[in-house]
Structures are given as C-alpha cells and as structure tokens.
C-alpha cells in the first residue's frame, strides 16, 4: 500500500555533472514490488498530460518514456513547470540540452523532478523530466 503525502519538490542544482557521474542513477528497476500506478498517474494528471496504460507500465518497470510523439501543446505546461522549478535555485537558464546534466540534490540522477510522493517500499519517489537520445522524456527515480 502506498501513502501519498504532499511535500515540496527538492531543489534543483545547476551544477553540470560529468557523464561518469550521471551514470550513478537511482532509477527504479523491475522488482517483485512495483511503484503504484495511481501515484504515477496522479503526477501526470497534475501536469495535464494523458498517458496510456502502456506508458504507465513502462515507467512502473523502470523504463523511460519519450515525449517525442506528443504535440507541442501537450508538453508546453511541463516545460514551463520545469523552467519555474529550475529557476527557483538557479541563476543559469537551463535548456533542454542541459537536462541530462542537471543533477537533483540528494537524488544522484539527472533530470528535473516535476512530481514527488512517498512509497512504503521505495521511499521518496520522483517523476523526472529528462532527455533520452536528445528527446524530452520522463523517468521515475527513488531515494530510500
């Protein structure tokens, strides 16, 4: 059972990390206990994005989902939110190109957290906006 608690999103550091450091990711891998789809769905609902059951399952199993096939109007709010979050603690403007290099404090993986929740098994879980193969994408990360 998962307990949802509204908590502020962690601040984003504008430090650009090296690719070697970026490989230290806490992305959730396939396990017998998976992160609950309702919390992932809630994050997308808050962003105003509709996601398919397939996409939810992909995220639940530790995979990244790309936004490349989405209409620009669908992801506009996500990009505006990411800019607002990143500008809270930054003097540098972050571009899409910077997303894989932006490290979230205490998470150890790249991307900007756009939704956070607590999970009994995985601890603090994050829906992160990042880039994969040069395309905007989402992934789930956790921190015990």
N, C-alpha and C. Protein backbone atom coordinates (compact mmCIF):
# COMPACT_ATOMS: atom_id res chain seq x y z
N UNK A 1 0.84 -1.18 0.00
CA UNK A 1 0.00 0.00 0.00
C UNK A 1 0.88 1.24 0.00
N UNK A 2 0.51 2.21 -0.74
CA UNK A 2 1.29 3.43 -0.88
C UNK A 2 0.59 4.57 -0.16
N UNK A 3 1.34 5.40 0.51
CA UNK A 3 0.81 6.54 1.23
C UNK A 3 1.26 7.80 0.51
N UNK A 4 0.31 8.62 0.10
CA UNK A 4 0.64 9.85 -0.62
C UNK A 4 0.63 11.02 0.35
N UNK A 5 1.73 11.74 0.40
CA UNK A 5 1.85 12.91 1.25
C UNK A 5 2.35 14.06 0.39
N UNK A 6 1.61 15.16 0.42
CA UNK A 6 2.03 16.32 -0.35
C UNK A 6 3.25 16.93 0.31
N UNK A 7 4.35 16.95 -0.41
CA UNK A 7 5.58 17.53 0.10
C UNK A 7 6.23 18.35 -0.99
N UNK A 8 7.00 19.35 -0.61
CA UNK A 8 7.65 20.17 -1.63
C UNK A 8 8.67 19.38 -2.42
N UNK A 9 8.85 19.78 -3.66
CA UNK A 9 9.82 19.14 -4.54
C UNK A 9 11.21 19.63 -4.16
N UNK A 10 12.18 18.72 -4.22
CA UNK A 10 13.57 19.07 -3.91
C UNK A 10 14.08 20.14 -4.86
N UNK A 11 14.99 20.95 -4.38
CA UNK A 11 15.56 21.98 -5.23
C UNK A 11 16.50 21.35 -6.26
N UNK A 12 16.67 22.05 -7.34
CA UNK A 12 17.49 21.56 -8.44
C UNK A 12 18.78 22.34 -8.48
N UNK A 13 19.87 21.64 -8.56
CA UNK A 13 21.17 22.27 -8.65
C UNK A 13 21.50 22.52 -10.11
N UNK A 14 22.17 23.60 -10.39
CA UNK A 14 22.56 23.87 -11.77
C UNK A 14 23.96 23.38 -12.07
N UNK A 15 24.50 22.58 -11.17
CA UNK A 15 25.81 22.02 -11.44
C UNK A 15 25.71 21.08 -12.62
N UNK A 16 26.61 21.21 -13.54
CA UNK A 16 26.67 20.31 -14.67
C UNK A 16 27.64 19.20 -14.30
N UNK A 17 27.14 17.99 -14.30
CA UNK A 17 27.94 16.84 -13.88
C UNK A 17 28.53 16.15 -15.11
N UNK A 18 29.58 15.42 -14.90
CA UNK A 18 30.22 14.68 -15.99
C UNK A 18 29.42 13.43 -16.29
N UNK A 19 29.53 12.88 -17.51
CA UNK A 19 28.78 11.67 -17.85
C UNK A 19 29.07 10.51 -16.91
N UNK A 20 30.29 10.42 -16.38
CA UNK A 20 30.61 9.34 -15.45
C UNK A 20 29.75 9.42 -14.21
N UNK A 21 29.55 10.63 -13.71
CA UNK A 21 28.74 10.81 -12.51
C UNK A 21 27.27 10.58 -12.83
N UNK A 22 26.84 10.96 -14.02
CA UNK A 22 25.44 10.79 -14.38
C UNK A 22 25.03 9.33 -14.40
N UNK A 23 25.96 8.41 -14.56
CA UNK A 23 25.59 7.01 -14.62
C UNK A 23 25.20 6.46 -13.25
N UNK A 24 25.43 7.23 -12.18
CA UNK A 24 25.04 6.81 -10.84
C UNK A 24 23.57 7.18 -10.66
N UNK A 25 22.70 6.37 -11.17
CA UNK A 25 21.27 6.66 -11.16
C UNK A 25 20.55 5.75 -10.18
N UNK A 26 19.53 6.30 -9.55
CA UNK A 26 18.71 5.50 -8.66
C UNK A 26 17.38 5.16 -9.33
N UNK A 27 17.39 5.08 -10.64
CA UNK A 27 16.18 4.74 -11.36
C UNK A 27 15.69 3.38 -10.91
N UNK A 28 14.40 3.27 -10.74
CA UNK A 28 13.81 2.04 -10.23
C UNK A 28 13.86 0.96 -11.30
N UNK A 29 14.36 -0.19 -10.93
CA UNK A 29 14.42 -1.33 -11.83
C UNK A 29 13.28 -2.28 -11.54
N UNK A 30 13.04 -3.19 -12.47
CA UNK A 30 11.98 -4.16 -12.31
C UNK A 30 12.21 -4.97 -11.04
N UNK A 31 11.18 -5.09 -10.25
CA UNK A 31 11.26 -5.84 -9.00
C UNK A 31 9.90 -6.46 -8.72
N UNK A 32 9.86 -7.35 -7.73
CA UNK A 32 8.60 -8.01 -7.42
C UNK A 32 7.58 -7.01 -6.91
N UNK A 33 8.02 -5.97 -6.21
CA UNK A 33 7.13 -4.92 -5.75
C UNK A 33 7.37 -3.69 -6.62
N UNK A 34 6.33 -3.22 -7.26
CA UNK A 34 6.46 -2.08 -8.17
C UNK A 34 5.85 -0.83 -7.54
N UNK A 35 6.31 0.31 -7.99
CA UNK A 35 5.72 1.57 -7.58
C UNK A 35 4.29 1.61 -8.11
N UNK A 36 3.39 2.12 -7.31
CA UNK A 36 1.98 2.13 -7.68
C UNK A 36 1.66 3.04 -8.84
N UNK A 37 0.92 2.49 -9.78
CA UNK A 37 0.49 3.26 -10.95
C UNK A 37 -0.36 4.46 -10.56
N UNK A 38 -1.22 4.37 -9.51
CA UNK A 38 -2.02 5.55 -9.17
C UNK A 38 -1.18 6.80 -8.88
N UNK A 39 -0.04 6.65 -8.23
CA UNK A 39 0.81 7.81 -7.94
C UNK A 39 1.46 8.36 -9.20
N UNK A 40 1.88 7.47 -10.08
CA UNK A 40 2.46 7.92 -11.35
C UNK A 40 1.40 8.66 -12.15
N UNK A 41 0.19 8.09 -12.21
CA UNK A 41 -0.93 8.72 -12.93
C UNK A 41 -1.25 10.08 -12.33
N UNK A 42 -1.23 10.18 -11.01
CA UNK A 42 -1.51 11.45 -10.34
C UNK A 42 -0.52 12.53 -10.78
N UNK A 43 0.75 12.16 -10.89
CA UNK A 43 1.76 13.11 -11.34
C UNK A 43 1.45 13.65 -12.73
N UNK A 44 1.06 12.76 -13.63
CA UNK A 44 0.74 13.20 -14.98
C UNK A 44 -0.55 14.02 -15.01
N UNK A 45 -1.52 13.67 -14.18
CA UNK A 45 -2.75 14.45 -14.10
C UNK A 45 -2.46 15.87 -13.65
N UNK A 46 -1.57 16.01 -12.66
CA UNK A 46 -1.19 17.35 -12.19
C UNK A 46 -0.52 18.17 -13.28
N UNK A 47 0.17 17.48 -14.19
CA UNK A 47 0.84 18.16 -15.31
C UNK A 47 -0.10 18.40 -16.49
N UNK A 48 -1.28 17.81 -16.43
CA UNK A 48 -2.23 17.96 -17.54
C UNK A 48 -1.91 17.07 -18.72
N UNK A 49 -1.18 15.98 -18.48
CA UNK A 49 -0.83 15.04 -19.55
C UNK A 49 -1.62 13.75 -19.42
N UNK A 50 -2.09 13.25 -20.55
CA UNK A 50 -2.72 11.94 -20.58
C UNK A 50 -1.66 10.92 -20.97
N UNK A 51 -1.58 9.84 -20.22
CA UNK A 51 -0.64 8.77 -20.53
C UNK A 51 -1.40 7.47 -20.68
N UNK A 52 -0.88 6.63 -21.55
CA UNK A 52 -1.53 5.34 -21.80
C UNK A 52 -1.16 4.34 -20.71
N UNK A 53 -1.92 3.27 -20.65
CA UNK A 53 -1.63 2.18 -19.71
C UNK A 53 -0.24 1.61 -20.00
N UNK A 54 0.11 1.51 -21.27
CA UNK A 54 1.43 1.02 -21.66
C UNK A 54 2.54 1.91 -21.09
N UNK A 55 2.38 3.24 -21.24
CA UNK A 55 3.39 4.17 -20.73
C UNK A 55 3.51 4.09 -19.21
N UNK A 56 2.38 3.96 -18.53
CA UNK A 56 2.41 3.81 -17.07
C UNK A 56 3.16 2.55 -16.67
N UNK A 57 2.90 1.46 -17.37
CA UNK A 57 3.59 0.21 -17.07
C UNK A 57 5.09 0.32 -17.34
N UNK A 58 5.45 1.01 -18.41
CA UNK A 58 6.87 1.21 -18.72
C UNK A 58 7.58 1.95 -17.58
N UNK A 59 6.96 3.03 -17.11
CA UNK A 59 7.55 3.78 -16.00
C UNK A 59 7.60 2.94 -14.73
N UNK A 60 6.55 2.19 -14.49
CA UNK A 60 6.48 1.35 -13.29
C UNK A 60 7.61 0.32 -13.27
N UNK A 61 8.02 -0.13 -14.43
CA UNK A 61 9.07 -1.14 -14.52
C UNK A 61 10.47 -0.54 -14.71
N UNK A 62 10.60 0.77 -14.48
CA UNK A 62 11.92 1.39 -14.51
C UNK A 62 12.37 1.90 -15.87
N UNK A 63 11.49 1.90 -16.85
CA UNK A 63 11.85 2.38 -18.18
C UNK A 63 11.53 3.86 -18.31
N UNK A 64 12.11 4.49 -19.30
CA UNK A 64 11.87 5.89 -19.60
C UNK A 64 10.86 5.98 -20.73
N UNK A 65 9.96 6.97 -20.66
CA UNK A 65 9.03 7.17 -21.77
C UNK A 65 9.34 8.50 -22.45
N UNK A 66 9.37 8.47 -23.75
CA UNK A 66 9.72 9.64 -24.55
C UNK A 66 8.48 10.49 -24.81
N UNK A 67 8.71 11.79 -24.96
CA UNK A 67 7.63 12.72 -25.31
C UNK A 67 7.71 13.12 -26.78
N UNK A 68 8.56 12.46 -27.55
CA UNK A 68 8.80 12.88 -28.93
C UNK A 68 7.56 12.81 -29.82
N UNK A 69 6.62 11.93 -29.53
CA UNK A 69 5.44 11.81 -30.38
C UNK A 69 4.28 12.68 -29.89
N UNK A 70 4.51 13.44 -28.85
CA UNK A 70 3.47 14.31 -28.29
C UNK A 70 3.39 15.62 -29.06
N UNK A 71 2.20 16.19 -29.05
CA UNK A 71 2.02 17.52 -29.64
C UNK A 71 2.72 18.54 -28.75
N UNK A 72 3.22 19.59 -29.34
CA UNK A 72 3.91 20.62 -28.57
C UNK A 72 3.00 21.22 -27.50
N UNK A 73 1.72 21.37 -27.81
CA UNK A 73 0.79 21.93 -26.83
C UNK A 73 0.64 21.02 -25.61
N UNK A 74 0.84 19.72 -25.79
CA UNK A 74 0.73 18.79 -24.66
C UNK A 74 1.88 18.94 -23.68
N UNK A 75 3.07 19.21 -24.19
CA UNK A 75 4.22 19.25 -23.29
C UNK A 75 4.62 20.67 -22.90
N UNK A 76 3.92 21.65 -23.42
CA UNK A 76 4.24 23.04 -23.08
C UNK A 76 4.18 23.32 -21.59
N UNK A 77 3.12 22.83 -20.93
CA UNK A 77 2.98 23.07 -19.49
C UNK A 77 4.08 22.39 -18.70
N UNK A 78 4.53 21.23 -19.17
CA UNK A 78 5.61 20.51 -18.50
C UNK A 78 6.90 21.32 -18.58
N UNK A 79 7.17 21.88 -19.74
CA UNK A 79 8.39 22.67 -19.91
C UNK A 79 8.34 23.96 -19.10
N UNK A 80 7.17 24.58 -19.03
CA UNK A 80 7.02 25.79 -18.22
C UNK A 80 7.23 25.47 -16.74
N UNK A 81 6.66 24.37 -16.27
CA UNK A 81 6.84 23.96 -14.89
C UNK A 81 8.31 23.65 -14.59
N UNK A 82 8.96 22.95 -15.49
CA UNK A 82 10.38 22.61 -15.30
C UNK A 82 11.22 23.88 -15.22
N UNK A 83 10.92 24.86 -16.05
CA UNK A 83 11.64 26.13 -16.03
C UNK A 83 11.41 26.84 -14.70
N UNK A 84 10.17 26.85 -14.22
CA UNK A 84 9.86 27.51 -12.95
C UNK A 84 10.59 26.84 -11.79
N UNK A 85 10.59 25.52 -11.77
CA UNK A 85 11.27 24.78 -10.69
C UNK A 85 12.77 25.03 -10.73
N UNK A 86 13.34 24.95 -11.91
CA UNK A 86 14.79 25.11 -12.02
C UNK A 86 15.24 26.53 -11.74
N UNK A 87 14.41 27.51 -12.04
CA UNK A 87 14.81 28.90 -11.82
C UNK A 87 14.72 29.32 -10.35
N UNK A 88 14.05 28.54 -9.52
CA UNK A 88 13.96 28.87 -8.10
C UNK A 88 15.33 28.92 -7.44
N UNK A 89 16.22 28.03 -7.84
CA UNK A 89 17.53 27.92 -7.20
C UNK A 89 18.67 28.11 -8.18
N UNK A 90 18.42 28.85 -9.24
CA UNK A 90 19.42 28.94 -10.29
C UNK A 90 19.55 30.36 -10.81
N UNK A 91 20.76 30.70 -11.17
CA UNK A 91 20.98 31.96 -11.88
C UNK A 91 21.22 31.67 -13.35
N UNK A 92 21.38 30.40 -13.68
CA UNK A 92 21.63 29.98 -15.06
C UNK A 92 20.33 29.47 -15.67
N UNK A 93 20.06 29.87 -16.89
CA UNK A 93 18.90 29.33 -17.59
C UNK A 93 19.21 27.92 -18.04
N UNK A 94 18.31 27.00 -17.78
CA UNK A 94 18.50 25.61 -18.17
C UNK A 94 17.76 25.36 -19.47
N UNK A 95 18.45 24.74 -20.41
CA UNK A 95 17.87 24.41 -21.70
C UNK A 95 17.56 22.92 -21.76
N UNK A 96 16.85 22.49 -22.78
CA UNK A 96 16.59 21.06 -22.96
C UNK A 96 17.90 20.29 -23.04
N UNK A 97 18.86 20.89 -23.68
CA UNK A 97 20.17 20.25 -23.84
C UNK A 97 20.84 20.00 -22.48
N UNK A 98 20.53 20.84 -21.49
CA UNK A 98 21.14 20.70 -20.16
C UNK A 98 20.48 19.62 -19.30
N UNK A 99 19.27 19.19 -19.64
CA UNK A 99 18.53 18.28 -18.76
C UNK A 99 19.30 17.04 -18.32
N UNK A 100 20.03 16.36 -19.21
CA UNK A 100 20.75 15.17 -18.73
C UNK A 100 21.89 15.51 -17.78
N UNK A 101 22.29 16.77 -17.74
CA UNK A 101 23.42 17.17 -16.91
C UNK A 101 22.99 17.79 -15.58
N UNK A 102 21.72 18.18 -15.48
CA UNK A 102 21.23 18.81 -14.26
C UNK A 102 21.02 17.74 -13.21
N UNK A 103 21.70 17.90 -12.09
CA UNK A 103 21.59 16.92 -11.01
C UNK A 103 20.64 17.44 -9.94
N UNK A 104 19.71 16.61 -9.52
CA UNK A 104 18.80 16.97 -8.45
C UNK A 104 19.47 16.65 -7.12
N UNK A 105 19.49 17.63 -6.24
CA UNK A 105 20.16 17.45 -4.95
C UNK A 105 19.67 16.19 -4.25
N UNK A 106 20.58 15.41 -3.75
CA UNK A 106 20.36 14.19 -2.96
C UNK A 106 19.70 13.05 -3.74
N UNK A 107 19.49 13.19 -5.04
CA UNK A 107 18.91 12.09 -5.81
C UNK A 107 19.97 11.28 -6.53
N UNK A 108 21.01 11.92 -6.99
CA UNK A 108 22.07 11.20 -7.68
C UNK A 108 21.73 10.81 -9.10
N UNK A 109 20.73 11.42 -9.70
CA UNK A 109 20.44 11.16 -11.11
C UNK A 109 20.02 12.46 -11.78
N UNK A 110 20.04 12.47 -13.08
CA UNK A 110 19.78 13.71 -13.81
C UNK A 110 18.30 13.90 -14.10
N UNK A 111 17.93 15.15 -14.25
CA UNK A 111 16.56 15.50 -14.57
C UNK A 111 15.98 16.46 -13.55
N UNK A 112 14.84 17.02 -13.90
CA UNK A 112 14.15 17.96 -13.03
C UNK A 112 12.92 17.26 -12.47
N UNK A 113 12.79 17.16 -11.14
CA UNK A 113 11.62 16.49 -10.56
C UNK A 113 10.38 17.36 -10.74
N UNK A 114 9.33 16.80 -11.33
CA UNK A 114 8.09 17.54 -11.53
C UNK A 114 6.97 17.02 -10.65
N UNK A 115 7.19 15.88 -9.98
CA UNK A 115 6.22 15.34 -9.03
C UNK A 115 6.96 14.44 -8.05
N UNK A 116 6.54 14.49 -6.77
CA UNK A 116 7.17 13.67 -5.73
C UNK A 116 6.11 13.04 -4.85
N UNK A 117 6.36 11.81 -4.42
CA UNK A 117 5.47 11.13 -3.48
C UNK A 117 6.27 10.14 -2.66
N UNK A 118 5.67 9.66 -1.58
CA UNK A 118 6.31 8.66 -0.72
C UNK A 118 5.71 7.30 -0.99
N UNK A 119 6.58 6.29 -1.04
CA UNK A 119 6.17 4.91 -1.25
C UNK A 119 6.71 4.08 -0.10
N UNK A 120 5.88 3.18 0.44
CA UNK A 120 6.30 2.36 1.58
C UNK A 120 7.54 1.53 1.28
N UNK A 121 7.67 1.04 0.07
CA UNK A 121 8.79 0.17 -0.30
C UNK A 121 10.00 0.94 -0.79
N UNK A 122 9.78 1.91 -1.68
CA UNK A 122 10.89 2.59 -2.34
C UNK A 122 11.31 3.91 -1.69
N UNK A 123 10.53 4.41 -0.75
CA UNK A 123 10.85 5.68 -0.11
C UNK A 123 10.33 6.85 -0.93
N UNK A 124 11.13 7.91 -1.03
CA UNK A 124 10.73 9.09 -1.81
C UNK A 124 10.86 8.75 -3.29
N UNK A 125 9.79 8.97 -4.03
CA UNK A 125 9.78 8.69 -5.47
C UNK A 125 9.57 9.99 -6.23
N UNK A 126 10.18 10.07 -7.41
CA UNK A 126 10.14 11.29 -8.21
C UNK A 126 9.81 10.96 -9.66
N UNK A 127 8.97 11.79 -10.26
CA UNK A 127 8.75 11.77 -11.70
C UNK A 127 9.67 12.85 -12.24
N UNK A 128 10.67 12.45 -13.04
CA UNK A 128 11.70 13.37 -13.52
C UNK A 128 11.55 13.65 -15.01
N UNK A 129 11.68 14.92 -15.37
CA UNK A 129 11.77 15.31 -16.77
C UNK A 129 13.25 15.29 -17.13
N UNK A 130 13.60 14.58 -18.19
CA UNK A 130 14.99 14.47 -18.61
C UNK A 130 15.04 14.37 -20.13
N UNK A 131 16.19 14.08 -20.67
CA UNK A 131 16.35 13.83 -22.11
C UNK A 131 16.86 12.42 -22.29
N UNK A 132 16.36 11.75 -23.30
CA UNK A 132 16.87 10.44 -23.68
C UNK A 132 17.07 10.46 -25.19
N UNK A 133 18.27 10.21 -25.62
CA UNK A 133 18.62 10.29 -27.04
C UNK A 133 18.26 11.65 -27.63
N UNK A 134 18.43 12.70 -26.84
CA UNK A 134 18.17 14.06 -27.31
C UNK A 134 16.71 14.45 -27.34
N UNK A 135 15.82 13.62 -26.78
CA UNK A 135 14.38 13.89 -26.81
C UNK A 135 13.86 13.99 -25.38
N UNK A 136 12.91 14.93 -25.12
CA UNK A 136 12.34 15.03 -23.77
C UNK A 136 11.68 13.71 -23.37
N UNK A 137 11.87 13.34 -22.11
CA UNK A 137 11.33 12.06 -21.63
C UNK A 137 11.07 12.15 -20.13
N UNK A 138 10.31 11.19 -19.63
CA UNK A 138 10.07 11.05 -18.20
C UNK A 138 10.66 9.75 -17.71
N UNK A 139 11.11 9.77 -16.45
CA UNK A 139 11.54 8.55 -15.79
C UNK A 139 11.19 8.68 -14.31
N UNK A 140 11.20 7.55 -13.64
CA UNK A 140 10.93 7.51 -12.21
C UNK A 140 12.25 7.23 -11.49
N UNK A 141 12.45 7.92 -10.39
CA UNK A 141 13.62 7.69 -9.57
C UNK A 141 13.18 7.63 -8.12
N UNK A 142 13.95 6.94 -7.29
CA UNK A 142 13.58 6.85 -5.88
C UNK A 142 14.79 7.06 -4.99
N UNK A 143 14.50 7.37 -3.74
CA UNK A 143 15.55 7.57 -2.75
C UNK A 143 15.02 7.03 -1.43
N UNK A 144 15.72 6.06 -0.88
CA UNK A 144 15.33 5.48 0.42
C UNK A 144 15.70 6.40 1.53
